[in-house]
C-alpha atoms as a PDB file:
ATOM      1  CA  MET A   1      87.347 116.353 115.836  1.00  0.00           C
ATOM      2  CA  ASN A   2      90.642 115.386 117.491  1.00  0.00           C
ATOM      3  CA  GLU A   3      93.935 115.827 115.449  1.00  0.00           C
ATOM      4  CA  ARG A   4      95.203 112.354 114.541  1.00  0.00           C
ATOM      5  CA  ILE A   5      98.264 110.918 116.070  1.00  0.00           C
ATOM      6  CA  GLU A   6     100.610 109.005 113.614  1.00  0.00           C
ATOM      7  CA  LEU A   7     102.348 106.007 114.870  1.00  0.00           C
ATOM      8  CA  ALA A   8     104.728 103.268 113.515  1.00  0.00           C
ATOM      9  CA  GLY A   9     106.068 100.161 114.922  1.00  0.00           C
ATOM     10  CA  GLY A  10     107.850  96.888 113.738  1.00  0.00           C
ATOM     11  CA  VAL A  11     107.228  93.288 114.157  1.00  0.00           C
ATOM     12  CA  ILE A  12     110.129  91.600 115.281  1.00  0.00           C
ATOM     13  CA  GLN A  13     109.921  87.646 115.151  1.00  0.00           C
ATOM     14  CA  ASN A  14     112.493  85.030 116.437  1.00  0.00           C
ATOM     15  CA  THR A  15     113.507  81.942 114.712  1.00  0.00           C
ATOM     16  CA  ASP A  16     110.392  80.234 115.896  1.00  0.00           C
ATOM     17  CA  LYS A  17     108.231  82.933 114.369  1.00  0.00           C
ATOM     18  CA  GLU A  18     107.269  84.396 117.753  1.00  0.00           C
ATOM     19  CA  ILE A  19     106.302  88.161 117.988  1.00  0.00           C
ATOM     20  CA  LEU A  20     108.326  90.316 120.196  1.00  0.00           C
ATOM     21  CA  LEU A  21     106.214  92.745 122.807  1.00  0.00           C
ATOM     22  CA  LEU A  22     107.209  95.028 125.214  1.00  0.00           C
ATOM     23  CA  HIS A  23     105.213  95.305 128.473  1.00  0.00           C
ATOM     24  CA  ARG A  24     104.678  98.917 129.080  1.00  0.00           C
ATOM     25  CA  ASN A  25     104.605  99.452 133.033  1.00  0.00           C
ATOM     26  CA  THR A  26     103.615 103.270 133.831  1.00  0.00           C
ATOM     27  CA  PRO A  27     101.045 104.869 136.137  1.00  0.00           C
ATOM     28  CA  ALA A  28      98.840 105.641 133.133  1.00  0.00           C
ATOM     29  CA  LEU A  29      99.149 102.734 130.938  1.00  0.00           C
ATOM     30  CA  ASN A  30      99.913  98.631 131.740  1.00  0.00           C
ATOM     31  CA  HIS A  31      99.559  96.576 128.768  1.00  0.00           C
ATOM     32  CA  TRP A  32     101.678  94.764 126.140  1.00  0.00           C
ATOM     33  CA  GLU A  33     102.610  96.519 122.945  1.00  0.00           C
ATOM     34  CA  MET A  34     104.290  96.429 119.734  1.00  0.00           C
ATOM     35  CA  PRO A  35     107.714  98.570 119.813  1.00  0.00           C
ATOM     36  CA  GLY A  36     107.176 101.561 118.097  1.00  0.00           C
ATOM     37  CA  GLY A  37     105.875 105.123 118.729  1.00  0.00           C
ATOM     38  CA  LYS A  38     104.962 108.535 117.132  1.00  0.00           C
ATOM     39  CA  VAL A  39     105.888 109.639 113.482  1.00  0.00           C
ATOM     40  CA  LYS A  40     108.005 113.252 114.110  1.00  0.00           C
ATOM     41  CA  LEU A  41     107.176 115.926 111.963  1.00  0.00           C
ATOM     42  CA  GLU A  42     108.447 115.386 108.362  1.00  0.00           C
ATOM     43  CA  GLU A  43     109.545 111.929 109.015  1.00  0.00           C
ATOM     44  CA  LYS A  44     108.394 109.133 107.161  1.00  0.00           C
ATOM     45  CA  PRO A  45     106.427 106.183 109.030  1.00  0.00           C
ATOM     46  CA  GLU A  46     109.004 103.633 107.941  1.00  0.00           C
ATOM     47  CA  ALA A  47     112.060 105.837 109.377  1.00  0.00           C
ATOM     48  CA  ALA A  48     109.895 106.402 112.468  1.00  0.00           C
ATOM     49  CA  ALA A  49     109.522 102.577 113.309  1.00  0.00           C
ATOM     50  CA  CYS A  50     113.219 102.031 112.838  1.00  0.00           C
ATOM     51  CA  ARG A  51     114.263 104.816 115.123  1.00  0.00           C
ATOM     52  CA  GLU A  52     111.963 103.953 117.765  1.00  0.00           C
ATOM     53  CA  LEU A  53     113.059 100.131 117.640  1.00  0.00           C
ATOM     54  CA  ARG A  54     116.607 101.511 118.166  1.00  0.00           C
ATOM     55  CA  GLU A  55     115.366 103.715 120.692  1.00  0.00           C
ATOM     56  CA  GLU A  56     113.255 101.155 122.611  1.00  0.00           C
ATOM     57  CA  LEU A  57     115.489  97.671 122.028  1.00  0.00           C
ATOM     58  CA  GLY A  58     118.886  98.791 120.972  1.00  0.00           C
ATOM     59  CA  VAL A  59     118.569  97.128 117.657  1.00  0.00           C
ATOM     60  CA  HIS A  60     119.457  98.293 114.097  1.00  0.00           C
ATOM     61  CA  VAL A  61     116.791  97.586 111.365  1.00  0.00           C
ATOM     62  CA  THR A  62     118.241  95.896 108.348  1.00  0.00           C
ATOM     63  CA  ARG A  63     114.702  95.484 106.610  1.00  0.00           C
ATOM     64  CA  ALA A  64     111.268  96.801 107.258  1.00  0.00           C
ATOM     65  CA  LYS A  65     108.579  95.873 104.915  1.00  0.00           C
ATOM     66  CA  TRP A  66     104.949  97.512 105.206  1.00  0.00           C
ATOM     67  CA  LEU A  67     102.236  95.598 106.548  1.00  0.00           C
ATOM     68  CA  GLY A  68      99.430  97.338 107.225  1.00  0.00           C
ATOM     69  CA  GLU A  69      97.469  99.904 109.378  1.00  0.00           C
ATOM     70  CA  SER A  70      94.862 100.570 111.740  1.00  0.00           C
ATOM     71  CA  VAL A  71      93.212 103.733 112.882  1.00  0.00           C
ATOM     72  CA  PHE A  72      91.540 103.759 116.405  1.00  0.00           C
ATOM     73  CA  SER A  73      90.753 105.936 119.521  1.00  0.00           C
ATOM     74  CA  ALA A  74      92.348 105.409 122.842  1.00  0.00           C
ATOM     75  CA  GLN A  75      91.973 107.667 125.875  1.00  0.00           C
ATOM     76  CA  GLY A  76      90.177 110.380 123.996  1.00  0.00           C
ATOM     77  CA  LYS A  77      92.631 110.401 121.167  1.00  0.00           C
ATOM     78  CA  ASP A  78      92.553 109.435 117.300  1.00  0.00           C
ATOM     79  CA  TYR A  79      95.577 107.194 116.148  1.00  0.00           C
ATOM     80  CA  LYS A  80      96.853 105.913 112.917  1.00  0.00           C
ATOM     81  CA  TYR A  81      99.284 103.074 113.438  1.00  0.00           C
ATOM     82  CA  GLN A  82     101.204 101.441 110.462  1.00  0.00           C
ATOM     83  CA  TRP A  83     102.745  98.151 110.969  1.00  0.00           C
ATOM     84  CA  TYR A  84     106.081  96.948 109.476  1.00  0.00           C
ATOM     85  CA  GLN A  85     107.714  93.887 109.445  1.00  0.00           C
ATOM     86  CA  THR A  86     111.220  93.965 110.270  1.00  0.00           C
ATOM     87  CA  GLU A  87     114.763  91.924 110.413  1.00  0.00           C
ATOM     88  CA  VAL A  88     117.094  93.591 112.799  1.00  0.00           C
ATOM     89  CA  SER A  89     120.673  93.334 114.031  1.00  0.00           C
ATOM     90  CA  GLY A  90     121.792  93.222 117.533  1.00  0.00           C
ATOM     91  CA  ARG A  91     119.971  91.647 120.707  1.00  0.00           C
ATOM     92  CA  PRO A  92     116.755  93.384 121.607  1.00  0.00           C
ATOM     93  CA  GLN A  93     116.850  94.678 125.131  1.00  0.00           C
ATOM     94  CA  ILE A  94     115.088  97.243 127.208  1.00  0.00           C
ATOM     95  CA  MET A  95     116.547 100.880 126.429  1.00  0.00           C
ATOM     96  CA  GLU A  96     113.867 102.597 128.590  1.00  0.00           C
ATOM     97  CA  PRO A  97     113.321 100.882 131.887  1.00  0.00           C
ATOM     98  CA  ASP A  98     111.197 104.171 133.200  1.00  0.00           C
ATOM     99  CA  THR A  99     108.641 103.021 130.682  1.00  0.00           C
ATOM    100  CA  PHE A 100     109.285  99.205 129.914  1.00  0.00           C
ATOM    101  CA  ASP A 101     109.777  96.436 132.624  1.00  0.00           C
ATOM    102  CA  GLU A 102     109.684  93.140 130.391  1.00  0.00           C
ATOM    103  CA  LEU A 103     110.050  92.154 126.802  1.00  0.00           C
ATOM    104  CA  HIS A 104     108.967  88.629 125.201  1.00  0.00           C
ATOM    105  CA  PHE A 105     108.437  86.840 122.256  1.00  0.00           C
ATOM    106  CA  PHE A 106     104.787  85.306 122.030  1.00  0.00           C
ATOM    107  CA  PRO A 107     103.685  82.842 119.347  1.00  0.00           C
ATOM    108  CA  GLU A 108     100.634  84.012 117.520  1.00  0.00           C
ATOM    109  CA  TYR A 109      98.068  81.633 119.067  1.00  0.00           C
ATOM    110  CA  ARG A 110      98.936  83.001 122.369  1.00  0.00           C
ATOM    111  CA  LEU A 111      98.301  86.562 121.467  1.00  0.00           C
ATOM    112  CA  ARG A 112      94.765  85.750 120.524  1.00  0.00           C
ATOM    113  CA  ARG A 113      94.181  84.351 124.303  1.00  0.00           C
ATOM    114  CA  MET A 114      95.933  87.696 125.668  1.00  0.00           C
ATOM    115  CA  MET A 115      93.362  90.268 124.222  1.00  0.00           C
ATOM    116  CA  SER A 116      92.828  91.659 127.839  1.00  0.00           C
ATOM    117  CA  VAL A 117      96.149  92.664 128.474  1.00  0.00           C
ATOM    118  CA  LEU A 118      97.205  94.087 124.977  1.00  0.00           C
ATOM    119  CA  SER A 119      97.372  97.747 123.887  1.00  0.00           C
ATOM    120  CA  PRO A 120      94.566  99.169 121.532  1.00  0.00           C
ATOM    121  CA  ASN A 121      97.202  98.908 118.536  1.00  0.00           C
ATOM    122  CA  MET A 122      98.137  95.029 119.503  1.00  0.00           C
ATOM    123  CA  LEU A 123      94.347  94.307 119.440  1.00  0.00           C
ATOM    124  CA  ALA A 124      93.953  95.789 115.722  1.00  0.00           C
ATOM    125  CA  PHE A 125      96.984  93.953 114.559  1.00  0.00           C
ATOM    126  CA  VAL A 126      95.896  90.480 116.102  1.00  0.00           C
ATOM    127  CA  LYS A 127      92.714  90.961 114.558  1.00  0.00           C
ATOM    128  CA  GLN A 128      93.828  91.887 110.813  1.00  0.00           C
ATOM    129  CA  LEU A 129      96.348  88.961 111.319  1.00  0.00           C
ATOM    130  CA  THR A 130      93.827  86.587 112.533  1.00  0.00           C
ATOM    131  CA  ASP A 131      91.473  87.425 109.916  1.00  0.00           C
ATOM    132  CA  GLY A 132      94.155  87.232 107.242  1.00  0.00           C
ATOM    133  CA  GLU A 133      94.132  91.074 106.491  1.00  0.00           C
ATOM    134  CA  ILE A 134      97.900  90.986 106.981  1.00  0.00           C
ATOM    135  CA  ARG A 135     100.226  88.128 106.549  1.00  0.00           C
ATOM    136  CA  LEU A 136     103.866  87.742 108.343  1.00  0.00           C
ATOM    137  CA  GLU A 137     106.347  86.672 105.735  1.00  0.00           C
ATOM    138  CA  SER A 138     107.853  83.040 106.979  1.00  0.00           C
END
């Protein structure tokens, strides 16, 4: 059995309640994903989500609320991803251009039509959102 990789990320919404995704465009992966990443040793998942949003988007998280989590496997590895609904200060911008080539806000209904281009984590997130297992604050 593989060691499970712990991940955490943040949901950022604009004033229209659309969800921000980053487009990862690397030789290994090409998909839309939630901003986030690995939880470092002895780091809390919420802190990791806040750090990752700062590193990937250049924003400061002013509020983070735990939404839920998913356990999944991808590329032969096991993952546990924790989601946080966040409020941020600053304008999101791509801070890692070697990894990400685009960011965009999507309405929930459009995410359900994008399943073939979403990361494994986003597939789980959209399913739980659609099934009502997680709810975003208005």
